[in-house]
Full PDB file with SEQRES, HELIX, SHEET, SSBOND, CRYST1, ORIGX, SCALE, CONECT and MASTER records, all heavy atoms in Angstrom:
SEQRES   1 A   39  LEU ARG THR LEU PRO ALA ASP ILE GLN ALA SER LEU GLN          
SEQRES   2 A   39  GLY GLY PHE ASP LEU ARG THR LEU SER ARG ALA SER SER          
SEQRES   3 A   39  PHE ASN ALA GLU THR LEU PRO ILE VAL THR ASP SER PRO          
HELIX    1 AA1 ALA A    6  GLN A   13  1                                   8    
HELIX    2 AA2 LEU A   18  SER A   25  1                                   8    
HELIX    3 AA3 ALA A   29  THR A   31  5                                   3    
CRYST1    1.000    1.000    1.000  90.00  90.00  90.00 P 1           1          
ORIGX1      1.000000  0.000000  0.000000        0.00000                         
ORIGX2      0.000000  1.000000  0.000000        0.00000                         
ORIGX3      0.000000  0.000000  1.000000        0.00000                         
SCALE1      1.000000  0.000000  0.000000        0.00000                         
SCALE2      0.000000  1.000000  0.000000        0.00000                         
SCALE3      0.000000  0.000000  1.000000        0.00000                         
ATOM      1  N   LEU A   1      99.046 -81.205-162.036  1.00  0.00           N  
ATOM      2  CA  LEU A   1      98.266 -80.823-163.208  1.00  0.00           C  
ATOM      3  C   LEU A   1      97.225 -79.786-162.824  1.00  0.00           C  
ATOM      4  O   LEU A   1      96.549 -79.904-161.796  1.00  0.00           O  
ATOM      5  CB  LEU A   1      97.582 -82.047-163.815  1.00  0.00           C  
ATOM      6  CG  LEU A   1      98.494 -83.192-164.271  1.00  0.00           C  
ATOM      7  CD1 LEU A   1      97.673 -84.282-164.942  1.00  0.00           C  
ATOM      8  CD2 LEU A   1      99.583 -82.687-165.214  1.00  0.00           C  
ATOM      9  N   ARG A   2      97.043 -78.782-163.680  1.00  0.00           N  
ATOM     10  CA  ARG A   2      96.076 -77.716-163.471  1.00  0.00           C  
ATOM     11  C   ARG A   2      95.176 -77.628-164.705  1.00  0.00           C  
ATOM     12  O   ARG A   2      95.660 -77.511-165.826  1.00  0.00           O  
ATOM     13  CB  ARG A   2      96.786 -76.383-163.259  1.00  0.00           C  
ATOM     14  CG  ARG A   2      97.785 -76.377-162.080  1.00  0.00           C  
ATOM     15  CD  ARG A   2      97.064 -76.341-160.757  1.00  0.00           C  
ATOM     16  NE  ARG A   2      97.967 -76.198-159.625  1.00  0.00           N  
ATOM     17  CZ  ARG A   2      97.769 -75.353-158.604  1.00  0.00           C  
ATOM     18  NH1 ARG A   2      96.685 -74.590-158.596  1.00  0.00           N  
ATOM     19  NH2 ARG A   2      98.630 -75.301-157.611  1.00  0.00           N  
ATOM     20  N   THR A   3      93.880 -77.668-164.490  1.00  0.00           N  
ATOM     21  CA  THR A   3      92.919 -77.683-165.591  1.00  0.00           C  
ATOM     22  C   THR A   3      92.924 -76.355-166.334  1.00  0.00           C  
ATOM     23  O   THR A   3      92.783 -75.288-165.726  1.00  0.00           O  
ATOM     24  CB  THR A   3      91.504 -77.962-165.070  1.00  0.00           C  
ATOM     25  OG1 THR A   3      91.498 -79.216-164.392  1.00  0.00           O  
ATOM     26  CG2 THR A   3      90.504 -78.019-166.213  1.00  0.00           C  
ATOM     27  N   LEU A   4      93.064 -76.426-167.653  1.00  0.00           N  
ATOM     28  CA  LEU A   4      92.997 -75.224-168.484  1.00  0.00           C  
ATOM     29  C   LEU A   4      91.538 -74.857-168.776  1.00  0.00           C  
ATOM     30  O   LEU A   4      90.661 -75.724-168.776  1.00  0.00           O  
ATOM     31  CB  LEU A   4      93.751 -75.458-169.790  1.00  0.00           C  
ATOM     32  CG  LEU A   4      95.283 -75.459-169.668  1.00  0.00           C  
ATOM     33  CD1 LEU A   4      95.925 -76.097-170.881  1.00  0.00           C  
ATOM     34  CD2 LEU A   4      95.790 -74.028-169.483  1.00  0.00           C  
ATOM     35  N   PRO A   5      91.268 -73.574-169.030  1.00  0.00           N  
ATOM     36  CA  PRO A   5      89.890 -73.153-169.335  1.00  0.00           C  
ATOM     37  C   PRO A   5      89.321 -73.890-170.538  1.00  0.00           C  
ATOM     38  O   PRO A   5      90.048 -74.334-171.432  1.00  0.00           O  
ATOM     39  CB  PRO A   5      90.039 -71.658-169.611  1.00  0.00           C  
ATOM     40  CG  PRO A   5      91.273 -71.252-168.881  1.00  0.00           C  
ATOM     41  CD  PRO A   5      92.200 -72.434-168.959  1.00  0.00           C  
ATOM     42  N   ALA A   6      87.999 -73.989-170.579  1.00  0.00           N  
ATOM     43  CA  ALA A   6      87.309 -74.780-171.603  1.00  0.00           C  
ATOM     44  C   ALA A   6      87.624 -74.297-173.013  1.00  0.00           C  
ATOM     45  O   ALA A   6      87.774 -75.109-173.937  1.00  0.00           O  
ATOM     46  CB  ALA A   6      85.805 -74.748-171.350  1.00  0.00           C  
ATOM     47  N   ASP A   7      87.735 -72.983-173.214  1.00  0.00           N  
ATOM     48  CA  ASP A   7      87.997 -72.495-174.572  1.00  0.00           C  
ATOM     49  C   ASP A   7      89.397 -72.862-175.029  1.00  0.00           C  
ATOM     50  O   ASP A   7      89.615 -73.161-176.214  1.00  0.00           O  
ATOM     51  CB  ASP A   7      87.755 -70.991-174.670  1.00  0.00           C  
ATOM     52  CG  ASP A   7      88.688 -70.186-173.766  1.00  0.00           C  
ATOM     53  OD1 ASP A   7      89.018 -70.674-172.672  1.00  0.00           O  
ATOM     54  OD2 ASP A   7      89.077 -69.065-174.167  1.00  0.00           O  
ATOM     55  N   ILE A   8      90.358 -72.876-174.093  1.00  0.00           N  
ATOM     56  CA  ILE A   8      91.714 -73.299-174.441  1.00  0.00           C  
ATOM     57  C   ILE A   8      91.736 -74.794-174.732  1.00  0.00           C  
ATOM     58  O   ILE A   8      92.381 -75.254-175.685  1.00  0.00           O  
ATOM     59  CB  ILE A   8      92.694 -72.965-173.307  1.00  0.00           C  
ATOM     60  CG1 ILE A   8      92.709 -71.464-173.030  1.00  0.00           C  
ATOM     61  CG2 ILE A   8      94.093 -73.472-173.639  1.00  0.00           C  
ATOM     62  CD1 ILE A   8      93.267 -70.632-174.142  1.00  0.00           C  
ATOM     63  N   GLN A   9      91.005 -75.562-173.922  1.00  0.00           N  
ATOM     64  CA  GLN A   9      90.890 -77.007-174.169  1.00  0.00           C  
ATOM     65  C   GLN A   9      90.391 -77.257-175.586  1.00  0.00           C  
ATOM     66  O   GLN A   9      90.942 -78.075-176.330  1.00  0.00           O  
ATOM     67  CB  GLN A   9      89.905 -77.636-173.177  1.00  0.00           C  
ATOM     68  CG  GLN A   9      90.326 -77.590-171.739  1.00  0.00           C  
ATOM     69  CD  GLN A   9      91.004 -78.872-171.290  1.00  0.00           C  
ATOM     70  OE1 GLN A   9      91.088 -79.842-172.024  1.00  0.00           O  
ATOM     71  NE2 GLN A   9      91.507 -78.855-170.077  1.00  0.00           N  
ATOM     72  N   ALA A  10      89.334 -76.545-175.972  1.00  0.00           N  
ATOM     73  CA  ALA A  10      88.746 -76.746-177.299  1.00  0.00           C  
ATOM     74  C   ALA A  10      89.730 -76.371-178.395  1.00  0.00           C  
ATOM     75  O   ALA A  10      89.840 -77.063-179.417  1.00  0.00           O  
ATOM     76  CB  ALA A  10      87.461 -75.930-177.425  1.00  0.00           C  
ATOM     77  N   SER A  11      90.466 -75.285-178.195  1.00  0.00           N  
ATOM     78  CA  SER A  11      91.445 -74.860-179.207  1.00  0.00           C  
ATOM     79  C   SER A  11      92.565 -75.881-179.350  1.00  0.00           C  
ATOM     80  O   SER A  11      93.007 -76.192-180.462  1.00  0.00           O  
ATOM     81  CB  SER A  11      92.023 -73.495-178.833  1.00  0.00           C  
ATOM     82  OG  SER A  11      91.040 -72.496-178.866  1.00  0.00           O  
ATOM     83  N   LEU A  12      93.040 -76.421-178.212  1.00  0.00           N  
ATOM     84  CA  LEU A  12      94.115 -77.409-178.268  1.00  0.00           C  
ATOM     85  C   LEU A  12      93.657 -78.704-178.922  1.00  0.00           C  
ATOM     86  O   LEU A  12      94.450 -79.393-179.570  1.00  0.00           O  
ATOM     87  CB  LEU A  12      94.647 -77.682-176.861  1.00  0.00           C  
ATOM     88  CG  LEU A  12      95.473 -76.552-176.253  1.00  0.00           C  
ATOM     89  CD1 LEU A  12      95.707 -76.789-174.768  1.00  0.00           C  
ATOM     90  CD2 LEU A  12      96.813 -76.411-176.975  1.00  0.00           C  
ATOM     91  N   GLN A  13      92.389 -79.045-178.767  1.00  0.00           N  
ATOM     92  CA  GLN A  13      91.864 -80.226-179.470  1.00  0.00           C  
ATOM     93  C   GLN A  13      91.994 -80.047-180.974  1.00  0.00           C  
ATOM     94  O   GLN A  13      92.147 -81.022-181.716  1.00  0.00           O  
ATOM     95  CB  GLN A  13      90.395 -80.463-179.099  1.00  0.00           C  
ATOM     96  CG  GLN A  13      90.142 -80.835-177.653  1.00  0.00           C  
ATOM     97  CD  GLN A  13      90.556 -82.249-177.300  1.00  0.00           C  
ATOM     98  OE1 GLN A  13      90.937 -83.034-178.165  1.00  0.00           O  
ATOM     99  NE2 GLN A  13      90.489 -82.579-176.010  1.00  0.00           N  
ATOM    100  N   GLY A  14      92.006 -78.795-181.429  1.00  0.00           N  
ATOM    101  CA  GLY A  14      92.098 -78.524-182.863  1.00  0.00           C  
ATOM    102  C   GLY A  14      93.505 -78.383-183.377  1.00  0.00           C  
ATOM    103  O   GLY A  14      93.709 -78.294-184.593  1.00  0.00           O  
ATOM    104  N   GLY A  15      94.503 -78.334-182.490  1.00  0.00           N  
ATOM    105  CA  GLY A  15      95.874 -78.236-182.968  1.00  0.00           C  
ATOM    106  C   GLY A  15      96.778 -77.510-182.001  1.00  0.00           C  
ATOM    107  O   GLY A  15      96.327 -76.975-180.989  1.00  0.00           O  
ATOM    108  N   PHE A  16      98.059 -77.463-182.350  1.00  0.00           N  
ATOM    109  CA  PHE A  16      99.083 -76.916-181.469  1.00  0.00           C  
ATOM    110  C   PHE A  16      99.770 -75.722-182.102  1.00  0.00           C  
ATOM    111  O   PHE A  16     100.980 -75.571-182.009  1.00  0.00           O  
ATOM    112  CB  PHE A  16     100.111 -77.997-181.135  1.00  0.00           C  
ATOM    113  CG  PHE A  16      99.609 -79.020-180.166  1.00  0.00           C  
ATOM    114  CD1 PHE A  16      98.810 -80.056-180.593  1.00  0.00           C  
ATOM    115  CD2 PHE A  16      99.909 -78.929-178.823  1.00  0.00           C  
ATOM    116  CE1 PHE A  16      98.328 -80.995-179.710  1.00  0.00           C  
ATOM    117  CE2 PHE A  16      99.435 -79.858-177.923  1.00  0.00           C  
ATOM    118  CZ  PHE A  16      98.639 -80.895-178.360  1.00  0.00           C  
ATOM    119  N   ASP A  17      98.995 -74.842-182.724  1.00  0.00           N  
ATOM    120  CA  ASP A  17      99.605 -73.676-183.331  1.00  0.00           C  
ATOM    121  C   ASP A  17     100.144 -72.751-182.241  1.00  0.00           C  
ATOM    122  O   ASP A  17      99.718 -72.784-181.083  1.00  0.00           O  
ATOM    123  CB  ASP A  17      98.599 -72.938-184.217  1.00  0.00           C  
ATOM    124  CG  ASP A  17      97.414 -72.430-183.417  1.00  0.00           C  
ATOM    125  OD1 ASP A  17      96.479 -73.230-183.192  1.00  0.00           O  
ATOM    126  OD2 ASP A  17      97.442 -71.272-183.000  1.00  0.00           O  
ATOM    127  N   LEU A  18     101.096 -71.926-182.618  1.00  0.00           N  
ATOM    128  CA  LEU A  18     101.787 -71.077-181.653  1.00  0.00           C  
ATOM    129  C   LEU A  18     100.847 -70.104-180.961  1.00  0.00           C  
ATOM    130  O   LEU A  18     101.019 -69.787-179.779  1.00  0.00           O  
ATOM    131  CB  LEU A  18     102.925 -70.323-182.347  1.00  0.00           C  
ATOM    132  CG  LEU A  18     104.065 -71.199-182.882  1.00  0.00           C  
ATOM    133  CD1 LEU A  18     105.106 -70.341-183.598  1.00  0.00           C  
ATOM    134  CD2 LEU A  18     104.732 -71.977-181.760  1.00  0.00           C  
ATOM    135  N   ARG A  19      99.832 -69.637-181.666  1.00  0.00           N  
ATOM    136  CA  ARG A  19      98.898 -68.688-181.052  1.00  0.00           C  
ATOM    137  C   ARG A  19      98.129 -69.348-179.914  1.00  0.00           C  
ATOM    138  O   ARG A  19      97.965 -68.764-178.838  1.00  0.00           O  
ATOM    139  CB  ARG A  19      97.923 -68.150-182.108  1.00  0.00           C  
ATOM    140  CG  ARG A  19      96.929 -67.135-181.565  1.00  0.00           C  
ATOM    141  CD  ARG A  19      96.031 -66.597-182.657  1.00  0.00           C  
ATOM    142  NE  ARG A  19      96.812 -65.916-183.694  1.00  0.00           N  
ATOM    143  CZ  ARG A  19      96.264 -65.390-184.796  1.00  0.00           C  
ATOM    144  NH1 ARG A  19      94.972 -65.475-185.007  1.00  0.00           N  
ATOM    145  NH2 ARG A  19      97.029 -64.789-185.673  1.00  0.00           N  
ATOM    146  N   THR A  20      97.653 -70.576-180.137  1.00  0.00           N  
ATOM    147  CA  THR A  20      96.917 -71.279-179.089  1.00  0.00           C  
ATOM    148  C   THR A  20      97.814 -71.560-177.890  1.00  0.00           C  
ATOM    149  O   THR A  20      97.411 -71.384-176.730  1.00  0.00           O  
ATOM    150  CB  THR A  20      96.341 -72.600-179.635  1.00  0.00           C  
ATOM    151  OG1 THR A  20      95.417 -72.308-180.697  1.00  0.00           O  
ATOM    152  CG2 THR A  20      95.625 -73.381-178.550  1.00  0.00           C  
ATOM    153  N   LEU A  21      99.051 -71.990-178.138  1.00  0.00           N  
ATOM    154  CA  LEU A  21      99.973 -72.247-177.038  1.00  0.00           C  
ATOM    155  C   LEU A  21     100.297 -70.965-176.278  1.00  0.00           C  
ATOM    156  O   LEU A  21     100.455 -70.982-175.055  1.00  0.00           O  
ATOM    157  CB  LEU A  21     101.247 -72.889-177.556  1.00  0.00           C  
ATOM    158  CG  LEU A  21     101.150 -74.373-177.905  1.00  0.00           C  
ATOM    159  CD1 LEU A  21     102.446 -74.847-178.541  1.00  0.00           C  
ATOM    160  CD2 LEU A  21     100.828 -75.210-176.683  1.00  0.00           C  
ATOM    161  N   SER A  22     100.387 -69.857-176.998  1.00  0.00           N  
ATOM    162  CA  SER A  22     100.646 -68.585-176.335  1.00  0.00           C  
ATOM    163  C   SER A  22      99.491 -68.219-175.408  1.00  0.00           C  
ATOM    164  O   SER A  22      99.712 -67.747-174.277  1.00  0.00           O  
ATOM    165  CB  SER A  22     100.862 -67.483-177.375  1.00  0.00           C  
ATOM    166  OG  SER A  22     101.057 -66.236-176.752  1.00  0.00           O  
ATOM    167  N   ARG A  23      98.261 -68.451-175.848  1.00  0.00           N  
ATOM    168  CA  ARG A  23      97.103 -68.179-174.994  1.00  0.00           C  
ATOM    169  C   ARG A  23      97.126 -69.076-173.765  1.00  0.00           C  
ATOM    170  O   ARG A  23      96.867 -68.625-172.639  1.00  0.00           O  
ATOM    171  CB  ARG A  23      95.807 -68.404-175.780  1.00  0.00           C  
ATOM    172  CG  ARG A  23      95.505 -67.344-176.827  1.00  0.00           C  
ATOM    173  CD  ARG A  23      94.242 -67.696-177.579  1.00  0.00           C  
ATOM    174  NE  ARG A  23      93.098 -67.779-176.679  1.00  0.00           N  
ATOM    175  CZ  ARG A  23      92.056 -68.598-176.878  1.00  0.00           C  
ATOM    176  NH1 ARG A  23      92.045 -69.408-177.931  1.00  0.00           N  
ATOM    177  NH2 ARG A  23      91.059 -68.595-176.028  1.00  0.00           N  
ATOM    178  N   ALA A  24      97.455 -70.356-173.964  1.00  0.00           N  
ATOM    179  CA  ALA A  24      97.514 -71.280-172.827  1.00  0.00           C  
ATOM    180  C   ALA A  24      98.618 -70.868-171.861  1.00  0.00           C  
ATOM    181  O   ALA A  24      98.463 -70.972-170.630  1.00  0.00           O  
ATOM    182  CB  ALA A  24      97.737 -72.699-173.319  1.00  0.00           C  
ATOM    183  N   SER A  25      99.737 -70.393-172.405  1.00  0.00           N  
ATOM    184  CA  SER A  25     100.869 -70.000-171.566  1.00  0.00           C  
ATOM    185  C   SER A  25     100.589 -68.737-170.759  1.00  0.00           C  
ATOM    186  O   SER A  25     101.281 -68.461-169.766  1.00  0.00           O  
ATOM    187  CB  SER A  25     102.110 -69.771-172.423  1.00  0.00           C  
ATOM    188  OG  SER A  25     102.501 -70.945-173.094  1.00  0.00           O  
ATOM    189  N   SER A  26      99.601 -67.963-171.194  1.00  0.00           N  
ATOM    190  CA  SER A  26      99.318 -66.694-170.511  1.00  0.00           C  
ATOM    191  C   SER A  26      98.699 -66.906-169.133  1.00  0.00           C  
ATOM    192  O   SER A  26      98.658 -65.977-168.324  1.00  0.00           O  
ATOM    193  CB  SER A  26      98.389 -65.829-171.368  1.00  0.00           C  
ATOM    194  OG  SER A  26      97.086 -66.404-171.460  1.00  0.00           O  
ATOM    195  N   PHE A  27      98.216 -68.122-168.849  1.00  0.00           N  
ATOM    196  CA  PHE A  27      97.628 -68.412-167.544  1.00  0.00           C  
ATOM    197  C   PHE A  27      98.716 -68.865-166.573  1.00  0.00           C  
ATOM    198  O   PHE A  27      99.550 -69.714-166.913  1.00  0.00           O  
ATOM    199  CB  PHE A  27      96.569 -69.512-167.657  1.00  0.00           C  
ATOM    200  CG  PHE A  27      95.342 -69.092-168.419  1.00  0.00           C  
ATOM    201  CD1 PHE A  27      95.262 -69.287-169.786  1.00  0.00           C  
ATOM    202  CD2 PHE A  27      94.276 -68.491-167.770  1.00  0.00           C  
ATOM    203  CE1 PHE A  27      94.131 -68.892-170.506  1.00  0.00           C  
ATOM    204  CE2 PHE A  27      93.143 -68.105-168.469  1.00  0.00           C  
ATOM    205  CZ  PHE A  27      93.072 -68.303-169.840  1.00  0.00           C  
ATOM    206  N   ASN A  28      98.700 -68.313-165.389  1.00  0.00           N  
ATOM    207  CA  ASN A  28      99.597 -68.773-164.325  1.00  0.00           C  
ATOM    208  C   ASN A  28      99.079 -70.100-163.809  1.00  0.00           C  
ATOM    209  O   ASN A  28      97.976 -70.171-163.256  1.00  0.00           O  
ATOM    210  CB  ASN A  28      99.643 -67.742-163.203  1.00  0.00           C  
ATOM    211  CG  ASN A  28     100.588 -68.139-162.083  1.00  0.00           C  
ATOM    212  OD1 ASN A  28     101.046 -69.282-162.002  1.00  0.00           O  
ATOM    213  ND2 ASN A  28     100.891 -67.200-161.215  1.00  0.00           N  
ATOM    214  N   ALA A  29      99.863 -71.164-163.999  1.00  0.00           N  
ATOM    215  CA  ALA A  29      99.391 -72.503-163.623  1.00  0.00           C  
ATOM    216  C   ALA A  29      98.979 -72.563-162.160  1.00  0.00           C  
ATOM    217  O   ALA A  29      98.037 -73.279-161.798  1.00  0.00           O  
ATOM    218  CB  ALA A  29     100.475 -73.540-163.912  1.00  0.00           C  
ATOM    219  N   GLU A  30      99.661 -71.792-161.311  1.00  0.00           N  
ATOM    220  CA  GLU A  30      99.380 -71.865-159.874  1.00  0.00           C  
ATOM    221  C   GLU A  30      97.984 -71.357-159.526  1.00  0.00           C  
ATOM    222  O   GLU A  30      97.482 -71.621-158.432  1.00  0.00           O  
ATOM    223  CB  GLU A  30     100.434 -71.060-159.095  1.00  0.00           C  
ATOM    224  CG  GLU A  30     101.876 -71.395-159.444  1.00  0.00           C  
ATOM    225  CD  GLU A  30     102.254 -72.837-159.160  1.00  0.00           C  
ATOM    226  OE1 GLU A  30     101.784 -73.389-158.165  1.00  0.00           O  
ATOM    227  OE2 GLU A  30     103.032 -73.416-159.951  1.00  0.00           O  
ATOM    228  N   THR A  31      97.358 -70.617-160.447  1.00  0.00           N  
ATOM    229  CA  THR A  31      96.025 -70.073-160.172  1.00  0.00           C  
ATOM    230  C   THR A  31      94.903 -70.926-160.760  1.00  0.00           C  
ATOM    231  O   THR A  31      93.730 -70.637-160.525  1.00  0.00           O  
ATOM    232  CB  THR A  31      95.915 -68.650-160.741  1.00  0.00           C  
ATOM    233  OG1 THR A  31      95.961 -68.697-162.183  1.00  0.00           O  
ATOM    234  CG2 THR A  31      97.037 -67.761-160.228  1.00  0.00           C  
ATOM    235  N   LEU A  32      95.247 -71.952-161.524  1.00  0.00           N  
ATOM    236  CA  LEU A  32      94.239 -72.784-162.167  1.00  0.00           C  
ATOM    237  C   LEU A  32      93.791 -73.912-161.243  1.00  0.00           C  
ATOM    238  O   LEU A  32      94.530 -74.312-160.327  1.00  0.00           O  
ATOM    239  CB  LEU A  32      94.807 -73.373-163.468  1.00  0.00           C  
ATOM    240  CG  LEU A  32      95.156 -72.362-164.567  1.00  0.00           C  
ATOM    241  CD1 LEU A  32      95.922 -73.052-165.701  1.00  0.00           C  
ATOM    242  CD2 LEU A  32      93.895 -71.694-165.117  1.00  0.00           C  
ATOM    243  N   PRO A  33      92.584 -74.489-161.464  1.00  0.00           N  
ATOM    244  CA  PRO A  33      92.097 -75.568-160.597  1.00  0.00           C  
ATOM    245  C   PRO A  33      93.002 -76.798-160.658  1.00  0.00           C  
ATOM    246  O   PRO A  33      93.462 -77.199-161.732  1.00  0.00           O  
ATOM    247  CB  PRO A  33      90.708 -75.883-161.173  1.00  0.00           C  
ATOM    248  CG  PRO A  33      90.318 -74.672-161.942  1.00  0.00           C  
ATOM    249  CD  PRO A  33      91.584 -74.082-162.468  1.00  0.00           C  
ATOM    250  N   ILE A  34      93.246 -77.392-159.501  1.00  0.00           N  
ATOM    251  CA  ILE A  34      94.093 -78.579-159.417  1.00  0.00           C  
ATOM    252  C   ILE A  34      93.326 -79.803-159.905  1.00  0.00           C  
ATOM    253  O   ILE A  34      92.149 -79.989-159.578  1.00  0.00           O  
ATOM    254  CB  ILE A  34      94.561 -78.806-157.973  1.00  0.00           C  
ATOM    255  CG1 ILE A  34      95.427 -77.636-157.500  1.00  0.00           C  
ATOM    256  CG2 ILE A  34      95.341 -80.104-157.836  1.00  0.00           C  
ATOM    257  CD1 ILE A  34      95.796 -77.702-156.037  1.00  0.00           C  
ATOM    258  N   VAL A  35      93.996 -80.645-160.696  1.00  0.00           N  
ATOM    259  CA  VAL A  35      93.431 -81.931-161.100  1.00  0.00           C  
ATOM    260  C   VAL A  35      93.728 -82.927-159.978  1.00  0.00           C  
ATOM    261  O   VAL A  35      94.887 -83.144-159.620  1.00  0.00           O  
ATOM    262  CB  VAL A  35      94.046 -82.420-162.423  1.00  0.00           C  
ATOM    263  CG1 VAL A  35      93.465 -83.784-162.814  1.00  0.00           C  
ATOM    264  CG2 VAL A  35      93.810 -81.397-163.527  1.00  0.00           C  
ATOM    265  N   THR A  36      92.694 -83.535-159.440  1.00  0.00           N  
ATOM    266  CA  THR A  36      92.858 -84.438-158.294  1.00  0.00           C  
ATOM    267  C   THR A  36      92.778 -85.898-158.729  1.00  0.00           C  
ATOM    268  O   THR A  36      92.593 -86.211-159.909  1.00  0.00           O  
ATOM    269  CB  THR A  36      91.778 -84.146-157.247  1.00  0.00           C  
ATOM    270  OG1 THR A  36      90.480 -84.305-157.847  1.00  0.00           O  
ATOM    271  CG2 THR A  36      91.910 -82.728-156.699  1.00  0.00           C  
ATOM    272  N   ASP A  37      92.945 -86.802-157.771  1.00  0.00           N  
ATOM    273  CA  ASP A  37      92.754 -88.247-157.956  1.00  0.00           C  
ATOM    274  C   ASP A  37      93.843 -88.919-158.781  1.00  0.00           C  
ATOM    275  O   ASP A  37      93.606 -89.955-159.401  1.00  0.00           O  
ATOM    276  CB  ASP A  37      91.387 -88.559-158.584  1.00  0.00           C  
ATOM    277  CG  ASP A  37      90.240 -88.045-157.738  1.00  0.00           C  
ATOM    278  OD1 ASP A  37      90.382 -88.054-156.488  1.00  0.00           O  
ATOM    279  OD2 ASP A  37      89.217 -87.619-158.306  1.00  0.00           O  
ATOM    280  N   SER A  38      95.049 -88.350-158.823  1.00  0.00           N  
ATOM    281  CA  SER A  38      96.185 -88.990-159.513  1.00  0.00           C  
ATOM    282  C   SER A  38      95.800 -89.483-160.908  1.00  0.00           C  
ATOM    283  O   SER A  38      95.825 -90.678-161.190  1.00  0.00           O  
ATOM    284  CB  SER A  38      96.718 -90.161-158.675  1.00  0.00           C  
ATOM    285  OG  SER A  38      97.144 -89.717-157.415  1.00  0.00           O  
ATOM    286  N   PRO A  39      95.440 -88.583-161.794  1.00  0.00           N  
ATOM    287  CA  PRO A  39      94.992 -89.000-163.125  1.00  0.00           C  
ATOM    288  C   PRO A  39      96.104 -89.670-163.919  1.00  0.00           C  
ATOM    289  O   PRO A  39      97.286 -89.429-163.704  1.00  0.00           O  
ATOM    290  CB  PRO A  39      94.572 -87.688-163.785  1.00  0.00           C  
ATOM    291  CG  PRO A  39      95.406 -86.658-163.093  1.00  0.00           C  
ATOM    292  CD  PRO A  39      95.530 -87.122-161.671  1.00  0.00           C  
TER     293      PRO A  39                                                      
MASTER        0    0    0    3    0    0    0    6  292    1    0    3          
END                                                                             
């Protein structure tokens, strides 16, 4: 798991419209912070 930026988190809390998912998809997961501690 890789943590998404705060603004994307907030947008996803509001819904799963295609525009929001497209913004989330634009981030390379390998470059995002790793979620630790086996959540």
